Amino acid sequence: MATVALLVLFVAQELLEGLFLHGHVGGLAGVYGLGGWTALPLAIAMGGIVALAVVGMHSALRRAADTGVSREPTALASRGYAAATWRPAGVLARKLASRAPPAATV
């Protein structure tokens, strides 16, 4: 699917350039001429990389889901951990800044 999407985008871009840009070759000569044919092997290679990435992410997510780690807050409380409280990290987020910088004098 990624290969087809890349090819469709390339052909559409080249056809639009042929229509709207002065001096650009239009039609199929604009798509496949002057090295445009290299889009096919490049799209196949990039599509393969995208497919491998999708399969790898699917495998990693499945493996992470099968670890059996409970995300329930009661699981931490039963182990003796106190409930975590969220605090803003920065001085400005905690409203600890005293005032704004002075205005520039004219």
PDB file of N, CA and C in Angstrom:
ATOM      1  N   MET A   1       0.814  -1.193   0.000  1.00  0.00           N
ATOM      2  CA  MET A   1       0.000   0.000   0.000  1.00  0.00           C
ATOM      3  C   MET A   1       0.865   1.267   0.000  1.00  0.00           C
ATOM      4  N   ALA A   2       1.944   1.230   0.765  1.00  0.00           N
ATOM      5  CA  ALA A   2       2.815   2.405   0.820  1.00  0.00           C
ATOM      6  C   ALA A   2       3.465   2.651  -0.542  1.00  0.00           C
ATOM      7  N   THR A   3       3.818   1.586  -1.234  1.00  0.00           N
ATOM      8  CA  THR A   3       4.421   1.732  -2.565  1.00  0.00           C
ATOM      9  C   THR A   3       3.439   2.382  -3.532  1.00  0.00           C
ATOM     10  N   VAL A   4       2.210   1.923  -3.510  1.00  0.00           N
ATOM     11  CA  VAL A   4       1.189   2.476  -4.401  1.00  0.00           C
ATOM     12  C   VAL A   4       0.927   3.937  -4.056  1.00  0.00           C
ATOM     13  N   ALA A   5       0.849   4.243  -2.756  1.00  0.00           N
ATOM     14  CA  ALA A   5       0.610   5.626  -2.340  1.00  0.00           C
ATOM     15  C   ALA A   5       1.742   6.542  -2.798  1.00  0.00           C
ATOM     16  N   LEU A   6       2.985   6.088  -2.657  1.00  0.00           N
ATOM     17  CA  LEU A   6       4.116   6.901  -3.096  1.00  0.00           C
ATOM     18  C   LEU A   6       4.090   7.122  -4.607  1.00  0.00           C
ATOM     19  N   LEU A   7       3.770   6.094  -5.354  1.00  0.00           N
ATOM     20  CA  LEU A   7       3.712   6.237  -6.811  1.00  0.00           C
ATOM     21  C   LEU A   7       2.586   7.171  -7.240  1.00  0.00           C
ATOM     22  N   VAL A   8       1.423   7.049  -6.594  1.00  0.00           N
ATOM     23  CA  VAL A   8       0.300   7.919  -6.936  1.00  0.00           C
ATOM     24  C   VAL A   8       0.647   9.369  -6.640  1.00  0.00           C
ATOM     25  N   LEU A   9       1.272   9.613  -5.492  1.00  0.00           N
ATOM     26  CA  LEU A   9       1.663  10.982  -5.146  1.00  0.00           C
ATOM     27  C   LEU A   9       2.694  11.533  -6.132  1.00  0.00           C
ATOM     28  N   PHE A  10       3.652  10.712  -6.526  1.00  0.00           N
ATOM     29  CA  PHE A  10       4.676  11.166  -7.467  1.00  0.00           C
ATOM     30  C   PHE A  10       4.069  11.510  -8.820  1.00  0.00           C
ATOM     31  N   VAL A  11       3.223  10.622  -9.327  1.00  0.00           N
ATOM     32  CA  VAL A  11       2.615  10.857 -10.641  1.00  0.00           C
ATOM     33  C   VAL A  11       1.709  12.091 -10.590  1.00  0.00           C
ATOM     34  N   ALA A  12       0.936  12.232  -9.513  1.00  0.00           N
ATOM     35  CA  ALA A  12       0.056  13.402  -9.395  1.00  0.00           C
ATOM     36  C   ALA A  12       0.872  14.691  -9.333  1.00  0.00           C
ATOM     37  N   GLN A  13       1.961  14.675  -8.581  1.00  0.00           N
ATOM     38  CA  GLN A  13       2.804  15.869  -8.479  1.00  0.00           C
ATOM     39  C   GLN A  13       3.396  16.227  -9.839  1.00  0.00           C
ATOM     40  N   GLU A  14       3.910  15.249 -10.541  1.00  0.00           N
ATOM     41  CA  GLU A  14       4.521  15.527 -11.838  1.00  0.00           C
ATOM     42  C   GLU A  14       3.495  16.007 -12.856  1.00  0.00           C
ATOM     43  N   LEU A  15       2.300  15.448 -12.818  1.00  0.00           N
ATOM     44  CA  LEU A  15       1.269  15.897 -13.752  1.00  0.00           C
ATOM     45  C   LEU A  15       0.834  17.332 -13.436  1.00  0.00           C
ATOM     46  N   LEU A  16       0.723  17.653 -12.150  1.00  0.00           N
ATOM     47  CA  LEU A  16       0.365  19.024 -11.777  1.00  0.00           C
ATOM     48  C   LEU A  16       1.472  20.007 -12.141  1.00  0.00           C
ATOM     49  N   GLU A  17       2.721  19.600 -11.967  1.00  0.00           N
ATOM     50  CA  GLU A  17       3.827  20.465 -12.385  1.00  0.00           C
ATOM     51  C   GLU A  17       3.784  20.695 -13.887  1.00  0.00           C
ATOM     52  N   GLY A  18       3.456  19.660 -14.654  1.00  0.00           N
ATOM     53  CA  GLY A  18       3.355  19.807 -16.099  1.00  0.00           C
ATOM     54  C   GLY A  18       2.238  20.739 -16.508  1.00  0.00           C
ATOM     55  N   LEU A  19       1.151  20.761 -15.717  1.00  0.00           N
ATOM     56  CA  LEU A  19       0.036  21.640 -16.037  1.00  0.00           C
ATOM     57  C   LEU A  19       0.312  23.097 -15.674  1.00  0.00           C
ATOM     58  N   PHE A  20       0.925  23.333 -14.532  1.00  0.00           N
ATOM     59  CA  PHE A  20       0.998  24.690 -14.001  1.00  0.00           C
ATOM     60  C   PHE A  20       2.347  25.385 -14.158  1.00  0.00           C
ATOM     61  N   LEU A  21       3.421  24.650 -14.360  1.00  0.00           N
ATOM     62  CA  LEU A  21       4.729  25.285 -14.453  1.00  0.00           C
ATOM     63  C   LEU A  21       5.142  25.461 -15.914  1.00  0.00           C
ATOM     64  N   HIS A  22       5.567  26.652 -16.225  1.00  0.00           N
ATOM     65  CA  HIS A  22       6.024  26.951 -17.579  1.00  0.00           C
ATOM     66  C   HIS A  22       7.406  26.325 -17.785  1.00  0.00           C
ATOM     67  N   GLY A  23       7.575  25.595 -18.839  1.00  0.00           N
ATOM     68  CA  GLY A  23       8.855  24.977 -19.146  1.00  0.00           C
ATOM     69  C   GLY A  23       8.995  23.559 -18.627  1.00  0.00           C
ATOM     70  N   HIS A  24       8.032  23.083 -17.849  1.00  0.00           N
ATOM     71  CA  HIS A  24       8.088  21.703 -17.357  1.00  0.00           C
ATOM     72  C   HIS A  24       7.371  20.819 -18.365  1.00  0.00           C
ATOM     73  N   VAL A  25       7.978  19.678 -18.669  1.00  0.00           N
ATOM     74  CA  VAL A  25       7.395  18.759 -19.644  1.00  0.00           C
ATOM     75  C   VAL A  25       6.112  18.183 -19.060  1.00  0.00           C
ATOM     76  N   GLY A  26       5.048  18.176 -19.842  1.00  0.00           N
ATOM     77  CA  GLY A  26       3.768  17.681 -19.360  1.00  0.00           C
ATOM     78  C   GLY A  26       3.498  16.250 -19.798  1.00  0.00           C
ATOM     79  N   GLY A  27       2.453  15.679 -19.268  1.00  0.00           N
ATOM     80  CA  GLY A  27       2.018  14.345 -19.643  1.00  0.00           C
ATOM     81  C   GLY A  27       2.932  13.253 -19.115  1.00  0.00           C
ATOM     82  N   LEU A  28       2.888  12.101 -19.785  1.00  0.00           N
ATOM     83  CA  LEU A  28       3.705  10.972 -19.344  1.00  0.00           C
ATOM     84  C   LEU A  28       5.187  11.201 -19.543  1.00  0.00           C
ATOM     85  N   ALA A  29       5.537  12.070 -20.482  1.00  0.00           N
ATOM     86  CA  ALA A  29       6.956  12.390 -20.677  1.00  0.00           C
ATOM     87  C   ALA A  29       7.499  13.135 -19.463  1.00  0.00           C
ATOM     88  N   GLY A  30       6.653  13.925 -18.824  1.00  0.00           N
ATOM     89  CA  GLY A  30       7.075  14.621 -17.609  1.00  0.00           C
ATOM     90  C   GLY A  30       7.184  13.694 -16.427  1.00  0.00           C
ATOM     91  N   VAL A  31       6.373  12.646 -16.437  1.00  0.00           N
ATOM     92  CA  VAL A  31       6.397  11.692 -15.323  1.00  0.00           C
ATOM     93  C   VAL A  31       7.582  10.744 -15.446  1.00  0.00           C
ATOM     94  N   TYR A  32       7.769  10.159 -16.625  1.00  0.00           N
ATOM     95  CA  TYR A  32       8.788   9.120 -16.773  1.00  0.00           C
ATOM     96  C   TYR A  32      10.075   9.594 -17.441  1.00  0.00           C
ATOM     97  N   GLY A  33      10.073  10.770 -18.015  1.00  0.00           N
ATOM     98  CA  GLY A  33      11.265  11.270 -18.677  1.00  0.00           C
ATOM     99  C   GLY A  33      12.256  11.864 -17.690  1.00  0.00           C
ATOM    100  N   LEU A  34      13.485  12.009 -18.124  1.00  0.00           N
ATOM    101  CA  LEU A  34      14.555  12.637 -17.335  1.00  0.00           C
ATOM    102  C   LEU A  34      14.732  11.999 -15.958  1.00  0.00           C
ATOM    103  N   GLY A  35      14.737  10.697 -15.910  1.00  0.00           N
ATOM    104  CA  GLY A  35      14.995   9.991 -14.651  1.00  0.00           C
ATOM    105  C   GLY A  35      13.773   9.756 -13.804  1.00  0.00           C
ATOM    106  N   GLY A  36      12.597  10.080 -14.292  1.00  0.00           N
ATOM    107  CA  GLY A  36      11.378   9.852 -13.517  1.00  0.00           C
ATOM    108  C   GLY A  36      11.077   8.381 -13.320  1.00  0.00           C
ATOM    109  N   TRP A  37      11.645   7.543 -14.164  1.00  0.00           N
ATOM    110  CA  TRP A  37      11.428   6.106 -14.037  1.00  0.00           C
ATOM    111  C   TRP A  37      12.026   5.568 -12.740  1.00  0.00           C
ATOM    112  N   THR A  38      12.983   6.280 -12.157  1.00  0.00           N
ATOM    113  CA  THR A  38      13.601   5.806 -10.906  1.00  0.00           C
ATOM    114  C   THR A  38      12.629   5.869  -9.735  1.00  0.00           C
ATOM    115  N   ALA A  39      11.488   6.527  -9.915  1.00  0.00           N
ATOM    116  CA  ALA A  39      10.494   6.581  -8.846  1.00  0.00           C
ATOM    117  C   ALA A  39       9.957   5.192  -8.527  1.00  0.00           C
ATOM    118  N   LEU A  40       9.854   4.321  -9.497  1.00  0.00           N
ATOM    119  CA  LEU A  40       9.315   2.981  -9.256  1.00  0.00           C
ATOM    120  C   LEU A  40      10.203   2.160  -8.334  1.00  0.00           C
ATOM    121  N   PRO A  41      11.509   1.980  -8.616  1.00  0.00           N
ATOM    122  CA  PRO A  41      12.316   1.201  -7.680  1.00  0.00           C
ATOM    123  C   PRO A  41      12.452   1.873  -6.305  1.00  0.00           C
ATOM    124  N   LEU A  42      12.504   3.206  -6.297  1.00  0.00           N
ATOM    125  CA  LEU A  42      12.591   3.896  -5.006  1.00  0.00           C
ATOM    126  C   LEU A  42      11.312   3.728  -4.200  1.00  0.00           C
ATOM    127  N   ALA A  43      10.152   3.782  -4.858  1.00  0.00           N
ATOM    128  CA  ALA A  43       8.882   3.587  -4.162  1.00  0.00           C
ATOM    129  C   ALA A  43       8.767   2.163  -3.633  1.00  0.00           C
ATOM    130  N   ILE A  44       9.263   1.190  -4.395  1.00  0.00           N
ATOM    131  CA  ILE A  44       9.240  -0.196  -3.924  1.00  0.00           C
ATOM    132  C   ILE A  44      10.132  -0.355  -2.698  1.00  0.00           C
ATOM    133  N   ALA A  45      11.308   0.244  -2.727  1.00  0.00           N
ATOM    134  CA  ALA A  45      12.221   0.158  -1.579  1.00  0.00           C
ATOM    135  C   ALA A  45      11.632   0.851  -0.350  1.00  0.00           C
ATOM    136  N   MET A  46      11.100   2.052  -0.528  1.00  0.00           N
ATOM    137  CA  MET A  46      10.518   2.780   0.601  1.00  0.00           C
ATOM    138  C   MET A  46       9.267   2.079   1.124  1.00  0.00           C
ATOM    139  N   GLY A  47       8.472   1.531   0.231  1.00  0.00           N
ATOM    140  CA  GLY A  47       7.293   0.773   0.657  1.00  0.00           C
ATOM    141  C   GLY A  47       7.679  -0.442   1.467  1.00  0.00           C
ATOM    142  N   GLY A  48       8.771  -1.110   1.078  1.00  0.00           N
ATOM    143  CA  GLY A  48       9.262  -2.249   1.864  1.00  0.00           C
ATOM    144  C   GLY A  48       9.732  -1.825   3.241  1.00  0.00           C
ATOM    145  N   ILE A  49      10.396  -0.678   3.331  1.00  0.00           N
ATOM    146  CA  ILE A  49      10.853  -0.176   4.633  1.00  0.00           C
ATOM    147  C   ILE A  49       9.654   0.160   5.518  1.00  0.00           C
ATOM    148  N   VAL A  50       8.640   0.790   4.935  1.00  0.00           N
ATOM    149  CA  VAL A  50       7.435   1.114   5.712  1.00  0.00           C
ATOM    150  C   VAL A  50       6.746  -0.165   6.173  1.00  0.00           C
ATOM    151  N   ALA A  51       6.652  -1.163   5.304  1.00  0.00           N
ATOM    152  CA  ALA A  51       6.018  -2.432   5.678  1.00  0.00           C
ATOM    153  C   ALA A  51       6.784  -3.113   6.807  1.00  0.00           C
ATOM    154  N   LEU A  52       8.113  -3.111   6.741  1.00  0.00           N
ATOM    155  CA  LEU A  52       8.901  -3.707   7.823  1.00  0.00           C
ATOM    156  C   LEU A  52       8.707  -2.948   9.133  1.00  0.00           C
ATOM    157  N   ALA A  53       8.619  -1.635   9.059  1.00  0.00           N
ATOM    158  CA  ALA A  53       8.409  -0.834  10.265  1.00  0.00           C
ATOM    159  C   ALA A  53       7.044  -1.126  10.879  1.00  0.00           C
ATOM    160  N   VAL A  54       6.023  -1.269  10.040  1.00  0.00           N
ATOM    161  CA  VAL A  54       4.683  -1.561  10.550  1.00  0.00           C
ATOM    162  C   VAL A  54       4.651  -2.934  11.212  1.00  0.00           C
ATOM    163  N   VAL A  55       5.261  -3.924  10.586  1.00  0.00           N
ATOM    164  CA  VAL A  55       5.297  -5.265  11.166  1.00  0.00           C
ATOM    165  C   VAL A  55       6.084  -5.266  12.471  1.00  0.00           C
ATOM    166  N   GLY A  56       7.198  -4.546  12.505  1.00  0.00           N
ATOM    167  CA  GLY A  56       7.994  -4.465  13.725  1.00  0.00           C
ATOM    168  C   GLY A  56       7.250  -3.788  14.857  1.00  0.00           C
ATOM    169  N   MET A  57       6.541  -2.703  14.555  1.00  0.00           N
ATOM    170  CA  MET A  57       5.764  -2.025  15.591  1.00  0.00           C
ATOM    171  C   MET A  57       4.614  -2.885  16.080  1.00  0.00           C
ATOM    172  N   HIS A  58       3.969  -3.597  15.171  1.00  0.00           N
ATOM    173  CA  HIS A  58       2.884  -4.499  15.571  1.00  0.00           C
ATOM    174  C   HIS A  58       3.414  -5.582  16.503  1.00  0.00           C
ATOM    175  N   SER A  59       4.561  -6.127  16.171  1.00  0.00           N
ATOM    176  CA  SER A  59       5.175  -7.149  17.016  1.00  0.00           C
ATOM    177  C   SER A  59       5.560  -6.590  18.379  1.00  0.00           C
ATOM    178  N   ALA A  60       6.127  -5.395  18.408  1.00  0.00           N
ATOM    179  CA  ALA A  60       6.523  -4.786  19.679  1.00  0.00           C
ATOM    180  C   ALA A  60       5.314  -4.482  20.542  1.00  0.00           C
ATOM    181  N   LEU A  61       4.237  -3.986  19.940  1.00  0.00           N
ATOM    182  CA  LEU A  61       3.030  -3.704  20.712  1.00  0.00           C
ATOM    183  C   LEU A  61       2.387  -4.977  21.251  1.00  0.00           C
ATOM    184  N   ARG A  62       2.387  -6.024  20.438  1.00  0.00           N
ATOM    185  CA  ARG A  62       1.823  -7.298  20.906  1.00  0.00           C
ATOM    186  C   ARG A  62       2.654  -7.847  22.056  1.00  0.00           C
ATOM    187  N   ARG A  63       3.971  -7.758  21.941  1.00  0.00           N
ATOM    188  CA  ARG A  63       4.851  -8.245  22.999  1.00  0.00           C
ATOM    189  C   ARG A  63       4.668  -7.434  24.286  1.00  0.00           C
ATOM    190  N   ALA A  64       4.504  -6.125  24.140  1.00  0.00           N
ATOM    191  CA  ALA A  64       4.295  -5.281  25.322  1.00  0.00           C
ATOM    192  C   ALA A  64       2.948  -5.556  25.970  1.00  0.00           C
ATOM    193  N   ALA A  65       1.933  -5.876  25.167  1.00  0.00           N
ATOM    194  CA  ALA A  65       0.617  -6.170  25.719  1.00  0.00           C
ATOM    195  C   ALA A  65       0.584  -7.513  26.422  1.00  0.00           C
ATOM    196  N   ASP A  66       1.447  -8.433  26.015  1.00  0.00           N
ATOM    197  CA  ASP A  66       1.461  -9.774  26.604  1.00  0.00           C
ATOM    198  C   ASP A  66       2.334  -9.888  27.847  1.00  0.00           C
ATOM    199  N   THR A  67       2.927  -8.795  28.324  1.00  0.00           N
ATOM    200  CA  THR A  67       3.803  -8.886  29.491  1.00  0.00           C
ATOM    201  C   THR A  67       3.032  -9.111  30.775  1.00  0.00           C
ATOM    202  N   GLY A  68       1.756  -8.782  30.790  1.00  0.00           N
ATOM    203  CA  GLY A  68       0.955  -9.020  31.977  1.00  0.00           C
ATOM    204  C   GLY A  68       1.121  -7.969  33.056  1.00  0.00           C
ATOM    205  N   VAL A  69       1.666  -6.835  32.731  1.00  0.00           N
ATOM    206  CA  VAL A  69       1.832  -5.774  33.709  1.00  0.00           C
ATOM    207  C   VAL A  69       0.492  -5.108  33.929  1.00  0.00           C
ATOM    208  N   SER A  70       0.083  -5.010  35.176  1.00  0.00           N
ATOM    209  CA  SER A  70      -1.189  -4.379  35.505  1.00  0.00           C
ATOM    210  C   SER A  70      -1.015  -2.880  35.589  1.00  0.00           C
ATOM    211  N   ARG A  71      -1.954  -2.181  35.015  1.00  0.00           N
ATOM    212  CA  ARG A  71      -1.895  -0.721  35.060  1.00  0.00           C
ATOM    213  C   ARG A  71      -2.903  -0.164  36.057  1.00  0.00           C
ATOM    214  N   GLU A  72      -3.438  -1.013  36.890  1.00  0.00           N
ATOM    215  CA  GLU A  72      -4.414  -0.589  37.889  1.00  0.00           C
ATOM    216  C   GLU A  72      -3.712   0.100  39.047  1.00  0.00           C
ATOM    217  N   PRO A  73      -4.266   1.200  39.579  1.00  0.00           N
ATOM    218  CA  PRO A  73      -3.640   1.862  40.720  1.00  0.00           C
ATOM    219  C   PRO A  73      -3.655   0.992  41.969  1.00  0.00           C
ATOM    220  N   THR A  74      -4.617   0.072  42.071  1.00  0.00           N
ATOM    221  CA  THR A  74      -4.677  -0.786  43.255  1.00  0.00           C
ATOM    222  C   THR A  74      -3.523  -1.773  43.291  1.00  0.00           C
ATOM    223  N   ALA A  75      -2.977  -2.126  42.120  1.00  0.00           N
ATOM    224  CA  ALA A  75      -1.853  -3.052  42.092  1.00  0.00           C
ATOM    225  C   ALA A  75      -0.633  -2.425  42.765  1.00  0.00           C
ATOM    226  N   LEU A  76      -0.422  -1.130  42.564  1.00  0.00           N
ATOM    227  CA  LEU A  76       0.695  -0.460  43.219  1.00  0.00           C
ATOM    228  C   LEU A  76       0.427  -0.279  44.700  1.00  0.00           C
ATOM    229  N   ALA A  77      -0.800   0.032  45.057  1.00  0.00           N
ATOM    230  CA  ALA A  77      -1.125   0.237  46.470  1.00  0.00           C
ATOM    231  C   ALA A  77      -0.992  -1.058  47.251  1.00  0.00           C
ATOM    232  N   SER A  78      -1.311  -2.179  46.625  1.00  0.00           N
ATOM    233  CA  SER A  78      -1.201  -3.452  47.346  1.00  0.00           C
ATOM    234  C   SER A  78       0.256  -3.853  47.568  1.00  0.00           C
ATOM    235  N   ARG A  79       1.179  -3.271  46.810  1.00  0.00           N
ATOM    236  CA  ARG A  79       2.598  -3.567  47.000  1.00  0.00           C
ATOM    237  C   ARG A  79       3.245  -2.610  47.989  1.00  0.00           C
ATOM    238  N   GLY A  80       2.490  -1.690  48.545  1.00  0.00           N
ATOM    239  CA  GLY A  80       3.034  -0.786  49.537  1.00  0.00           C
ATOM    240  C   GLY A  80       3.498   0.544  48.982  1.00  0.00           C
ATOM    241  N   TYR A  81       3.252   0.814  47.707  1.00  0.00           N
ATOM    242  CA  TYR A  81       3.640   2.099  47.126  1.00  0.00           C
ATOM    243  C   TYR A  81       2.540   3.124  47.382  1.00  0.00           C
ATOM    244  N   ALA A  82       2.935   4.313  47.708  1.00  0.00           N
ATOM    245  CA  ALA A  82       1.960   5.381  47.892  1.00  0.00           C
ATOM    246  C   ALA A  82       1.484   5.859  46.530  1.00  0.00           C
ATOM    247  N   ALA A  83       0.297   6.406  46.501  1.00  0.00           N
ATOM    248  CA  ALA A  83      -0.235   6.936  45.253  1.00  0.00           C
ATOM    249  C   ALA A  83       0.596   8.135  44.818  1.00  0.00           C
ATOM    250  N   ALA A  84       0.987   8.144  43.589  1.00  0.00           N
ATOM    251  CA  ALA A  84       1.822   9.230  43.073  1.00  0.00           C
ATOM    252  C   ALA A  84       0.955  10.452  42.816  1.00  0.00           C
ATOM    253  N   THR A  85       1.480  11.607  43.148  1.00  0.00           N
ATOM    254  CA  THR A  85       0.770  12.850  42.864  1.00  0.00           C
ATOM    255  C   THR A  85       1.539  13.595  41.794  1.00  0.00           C
ATOM    256  N   TRP A  86       0.812  14.224  40.920  1.00  0.00           N
ATOM    257  CA  TRP A  86       1.438  14.955  39.823  1.00  0.00           C
ATOM    258  C   TRP A  86       1.679  16.383  40.253  1.00  0.00           C
ATOM    259  N   ARG A  87       2.903  16.858  40.019  1.00  0.00           N
ATOM    260  CA  ARG A  87       3.244  18.247  40.299  1.00  0.00           C
ATOM    261  C   ARG A  87       3.877  18.837  39.053  1.00  0.00           C
ATOM    262  N   PRO A  88       3.509  20.077  38.693  1.00  0.00           N
ATOM    263  CA  PRO A  88       4.167  20.723  37.560  1.00  0.00           C
ATOM    264  C   PRO A  88       5.658  20.872  37.833  1.00  0.00           C
ATOM    265  N   ALA A  89       6.451  20.720  36.800  1.00  0.00           N
ATOM    266  CA  ALA A  89       7.899  20.689  36.988  1.00  0.00           C
ATOM    267  C   ALA A  89       8.530  22.070  37.079  1.00  0.00           C
ATOM    268  N   GLY A  90       8.114  23.000  36.286  1.00  0.00           N
ATOM    269  CA  GLY A  90       8.826  24.270  36.198  1.00  0.00           C
ATOM    270  C   GLY A  90       8.348  25.301  37.208  1.00  0.00           C
ATOM    271  N   VAL A  91       9.175  26.302  37.416  1.00  0.00           N
ATOM    272  CA  VAL A  91       8.853  27.386  38.336  1.00  0.00           C
ATOM    273  C   VAL A  91       7.624  28.142  37.841  1.00  0.00           C
ATOM    274  N   LEU A  92       7.553  28.411  36.550  1.00  0.00           N
ATOM    275  CA  LEU A  92       6.404  29.129  36.009  1.00  0.00           C
ATOM    276  C   LEU A  92       5.139  28.283  36.077  1.00  0.00           C
ATOM    277  N   ALA A  93       5.263  26.984  35.914  1.00  0.00           N
ATOM    278  CA  ALA A  93       4.092  26.115  35.968  1.00  0.00           C
ATOM    279  C   ALA A  93       3.528  26.048  37.383  1.00  0.00           C
ATOM    280  N   ARG A  94       4.376  26.208  38.387  1.00  0.00           N
ATOM    281  CA  ARG A  94       3.902  26.187  39.780  1.00  0.00           C
ATOM    282  C   ARG A  94       3.574  27.586  40.295  1.00  0.00           C
ATOM    283  N   LYS A  95       3.629  28.577  39.423  1.00  0.00           N
ATOM    284  CA  LYS A  95       3.312  29.967  39.754  1.00  0.00           C
ATOM    285  C   LYS A  95       4.198  30.495  40.879  1.00  0.00           C
ATOM    286  N   LEU A  96       5.482  30.195  40.813  1.00  0.00           N
ATOM    287  CA  LEU A  96       6.426  30.658  41.814  1.00  0.00           C
ATOM    288  C   LEU A  96       7.247  31.856  41.332  1.00  0.00           C
ATOM    289  N   ALA A  97       7.054  32.279  40.108  1.00  0.00           N
ATOM    290  CA  ALA A  97       7.769  33.450  39.612  1.00  0.00           C
ATOM    291  C   ALA A  97       7.189  34.693  40.270  1.00  0.00           C
ATOM    292  N   SER A  98       8.060  35.610  40.701  1.00  0.00           N
ATOM    293  CA  SER A  98       7.575  36.742  41.484  1.00  0.00           C
ATOM    294  C   SER A  98       6.844  37.770  40.648  1.00  0.00           C
ATOM    295  N   ARG A  99       7.352  38.163  39.498  1.00  0.00           N
ATOM    296  CA  ARG A  99       6.695  39.180  38.676  1.00  0.00           C
ATOM    297  C   ARG A  99       7.264  39.097  37.267  1.00  0.00           C
ATOM    298  N   ALA A 100       6.653  39.860  36.396  1.00  0.00           N
ATOM    299  CA  ALA A 100       7.128  39.915  35.015  1.00  0.00           C
ATOM    300  C   ALA A 100       8.378  40.762  34.940  1.00  0.00           C
ATOM    301  N   PRO A 101       9.173  40.617  33.898  1.00  0.00           N
ATOM    302  CA  PRO A 101      10.348  41.474  33.758  1.00  0.00           C
ATOM    303  C   PRO A 101       9.928  42.932  33.580  1.00  0.00           C
ATOM    304  N   PRO A 102      10.802  43.873  33.931  1.00  0.00           N
ATOM    305  CA  PRO A 102      10.425  45.286  33.797  1.00  0.00           C
ATOM    306  C   PRO A 102      10.235  45.682  32.339  1.00  0.00           C
ATOM    307  N   ALA A 103       9.358  46.647  32.130  1.00  0.00           N
ATOM    308  CA  ALA A 103       9.090  47.135  30.782  1.00  0.00           C
ATOM    309  C   ALA A 103      10.292  47.936  30.297  1.00  0.00           C
ATOM    310  N   ALA A 104      10.537  47.902  29.030  1.00  0.00           N
ATOM    311  CA  ALA A 104      11.655  48.634  28.441  1.00  0.00           C
ATOM    312  C   ALA A 104      11.360  50.131  28.497  1.00  0.00           C
ATOM    313  N   THR A 105      12.357  50.910  28.848  1.00  0.00           N
ATOM    314  CA  THR A 105      12.164  52.356  28.906  1.00  0.00           C
ATOM    315  C   THR A 105      12.394  52.954  27.532  1.00  0.00           C
ATOM    316  N   VAL A 106      11.665  53.995  27.238  1.00  0.00           N
ATOM    317  CA  VAL A 106      11.755  54.632  25.917  1.00  0.00           C
ATOM    318  C   VAL A 106      12.710  55.797  25.953  1.00  0.00           C
TER     319      VAL A 106
END
